[in-house]
Amino acid sequence: MDGEDFAGKAAAEAKGLNPGLIVLLVIGVPLVVFLVANYVMYVYAQKNLPPRKKKPVSKKKLKREKLKQGVPVPGE
């Protein structure tokens, strides 16, 4: 075992990418792109889409709320 053989193997291994780094890039890059795209779409939607319409409240619920507040319900 001479020094040149060891140096040659070390140089050959150094040229290839670390498998852990490849896995990290394959999983990490799409994840970051996904999160950034979601944030951009969220900000766009907050600025440009109209606010949601509220559901109509039923008459029964209106009566119940008014009774809780102590306001007399008309018609009773």
C-alpha atoms as a PDB file:
ATOM      1  CA  MET A   1       0.000   0.000   0.000  1.00  0.00           C
ATOM      2  CA  ASP A   2       1.749   3.088  -1.172  1.00  0.00           C
ATOM      3  CA  GLY A   3       0.551   6.666  -0.755  1.00  0.00           C
ATOM      4  CA  GLU A   4      -0.324   7.156  -4.424  1.00  0.00           C
ATOM      5  CA  ASP A   5      -2.930   4.388  -4.386  1.00  0.00           C
ATOM      6  CA  PHE A   6      -4.646   5.883  -1.325  1.00  0.00           C
ATOM      7  CA  ALA A   7      -4.588   9.386  -2.800  1.00  0.00           C
ATOM      8  CA  GLY A   8      -6.106   8.090  -6.033  1.00  0.00           C
ATOM      9  CA  LYS A   9      -9.013   6.414  -4.203  1.00  0.00           C
ATOM     10  CA  ALA A  10      -9.645   9.536  -2.100  1.00  0.00           C
ATOM     11  CA  ALA A  11      -9.712  11.708  -5.221  1.00  0.00           C
ATOM     12  CA  ALA A  12     -12.145   9.321  -6.963  1.00  0.00           C
ATOM     13  CA  GLU A  13     -14.494   9.351  -3.944  1.00  0.00           C
ATOM     14  CA  ALA A  14     -14.308  13.121  -3.638  1.00  0.00           C
ATOM     15  CA  LYS A  15     -15.499  13.572  -7.231  1.00  0.00           C
ATOM     16  CA  GLY A  16     -18.839  11.799  -6.648  1.00  0.00           C
ATOM     17  CA  LEU A  17     -21.665  13.474  -4.724  1.00  0.00           C
ATOM     18  CA  ASN A  18     -22.494  12.267  -1.268  1.00  0.00           C
ATOM     19  CA  PRO A  19     -25.653  10.061  -1.436  1.00  0.00           C
ATOM     20  CA  GLY A  20     -27.042  11.820   1.629  1.00  0.00           C
ATOM     21  CA  LEU A  21     -26.700  15.142  -0.147  1.00  0.00           C
ATOM     22  CA  ILE A  22     -28.531  13.795  -3.192  1.00  0.00           C
ATOM     23  CA  VAL A  23     -31.433  12.561  -1.047  1.00  0.00           C
ATOM     24  CA  LEU A  24     -31.539  15.879   0.774  1.00  0.00           C
ATOM     25  CA  LEU A  25     -31.658  17.787  -2.512  1.00  0.00           C
ATOM     26  CA  VAL A  26     -34.288  15.484  -4.070  1.00  0.00           C
ATOM     27  CA  ILE A  27     -36.593  15.893  -1.055  1.00  0.00           C
ATOM     28  CA  GLY A  28     -35.641  19.372   0.099  1.00  0.00           C
ATOM     29  CA  VAL A  29     -35.797  21.354  -3.135  1.00  0.00           C
ATOM     30  CA  PRO A  30     -39.360  20.318  -4.119  1.00  0.00           C
ATOM     31  CA  LEU A  31     -40.512  20.861  -0.536  1.00  0.00           C
ATOM     32  CA  VAL A  32     -39.114  24.387  -0.454  1.00  0.00           C
ATOM     33  CA  VAL A  33     -40.586  25.145  -3.897  1.00  0.00           C
ATOM     34  CA  PHE A  34     -43.985  23.834  -2.727  1.00  0.00           C
ATOM     35  CA  LEU A  35     -43.966  25.957   0.436  1.00  0.00           C
ATOM     36  CA  VAL A  36     -42.871  29.117  -1.386  1.00  0.00           C
ATOM     37  CA  ALA A  37     -45.520  28.603  -4.085  1.00  0.00           C
ATOM     38  CA  ASN A  38     -48.212  28.120  -1.435  1.00  0.00           C
ATOM     39  CA  TYR A  39     -47.185  31.329   0.305  1.00  0.00           C
ATOM     40  CA  VAL A  40     -47.188  33.284  -2.965  1.00  0.00           C
ATOM     41  CA  MET A  41     -50.662  31.986  -3.876  1.00  0.00           C
ATOM     42  CA  TYR A  42     -51.953  32.783  -0.374  1.00  0.00           C
ATOM     43  CA  VAL A  43     -50.708  36.371  -0.568  1.00  0.00           C
ATOM     44  CA  TYR A  44     -52.168  36.751  -4.078  1.00  0.00           C
ATOM     45  CA  ALA A  45     -55.539  35.393  -2.925  1.00  0.00           C
ATOM     46  CA  GLN A  46     -55.645  37.734   0.071  1.00  0.00           C
ATOM     47  CA  LYS A  47     -55.115  40.753  -2.171  1.00  0.00           C
ATOM     48  CA  ASN A  48     -57.223  39.877  -5.202  1.00  0.00           C
ATOM     49  CA  LEU A  49     -60.111  37.597  -4.279  1.00  0.00           C
ATOM     50  CA  PRO A  50     -63.338  39.112  -2.910  1.00  0.00           C
ATOM     51  CA  PRO A  51     -64.225  38.271   0.701  1.00  0.00           C
ATOM     52  CA  ARG A  52     -66.398  35.223   1.285  1.00  0.00           C
ATOM     53  CA  LYS A  53     -70.121  35.724   1.614  1.00  0.00           C
ATOM     54  CA  LYS A  54     -71.496  34.933   5.047  1.00  0.00           C
ATOM     55  CA  LYS A  55     -74.087  32.203   5.335  1.00  0.00           C
ATOM     56  CA  PRO A  56     -77.598  33.515   5.978  1.00  0.00           C
ATOM     57  CA  VAL A  57     -78.612  33.146   9.615  1.00  0.00           C
ATOM     58  CA  SER A  58     -81.845  31.256  10.184  1.00  0.00           C
ATOM     59  CA  LYS A  59     -84.813  32.964  11.846  1.00  0.00           C
ATOM     60  CA  LYS A  60     -84.667  30.427  14.650  1.00  0.00           C
ATOM     61  CA  LYS A  61     -81.075  31.418  15.474  1.00  0.00           C
ATOM     62  CA  LEU A  62     -81.961  35.124  15.305  1.00  0.00           C
ATOM     63  CA  LYS A  63     -84.784  34.577  17.826  1.00  0.00           C
ATOM     64  CA  ARG A  64     -82.480  32.621  20.123  1.00  0.00           C
ATOM     65  CA  GLU A  65     -79.785  35.326  20.007  1.00  0.00           C
ATOM     66  CA  LYS A  66     -82.279  38.108  20.687  1.00  0.00           C
ATOM     67  CA  LEU A  67     -83.728  36.198  23.633  1.00  0.00           C
ATOM     68  CA  LYS A  68     -80.236  35.774  25.071  1.00  0.00           C
ATOM     69  CA  GLN A  69     -79.665  39.538  24.803  1.00  0.00           C
ATOM     70  CA  GLY A  70     -83.051  40.286  26.358  1.00  0.00           C
ATOM     71  CA  VAL A  71     -84.486  42.062  23.327  1.00  0.00           C
ATOM     72  CA  PRO A  72     -88.191  41.302  22.838  1.00  0.00           C
ATOM     73  CA  VAL A  73     -88.798  39.459  19.555  1.00  0.00           C
ATOM     74  CA  PRO A  74     -91.421  41.180  17.379  1.00  0.00           C
ATOM     75  CA  GLY A  75     -94.574  39.169  16.827  1.00  0.00           C
ATOM     76  CA  GLU A  76     -94.579  37.470  20.217  1.00  0.00           C
END
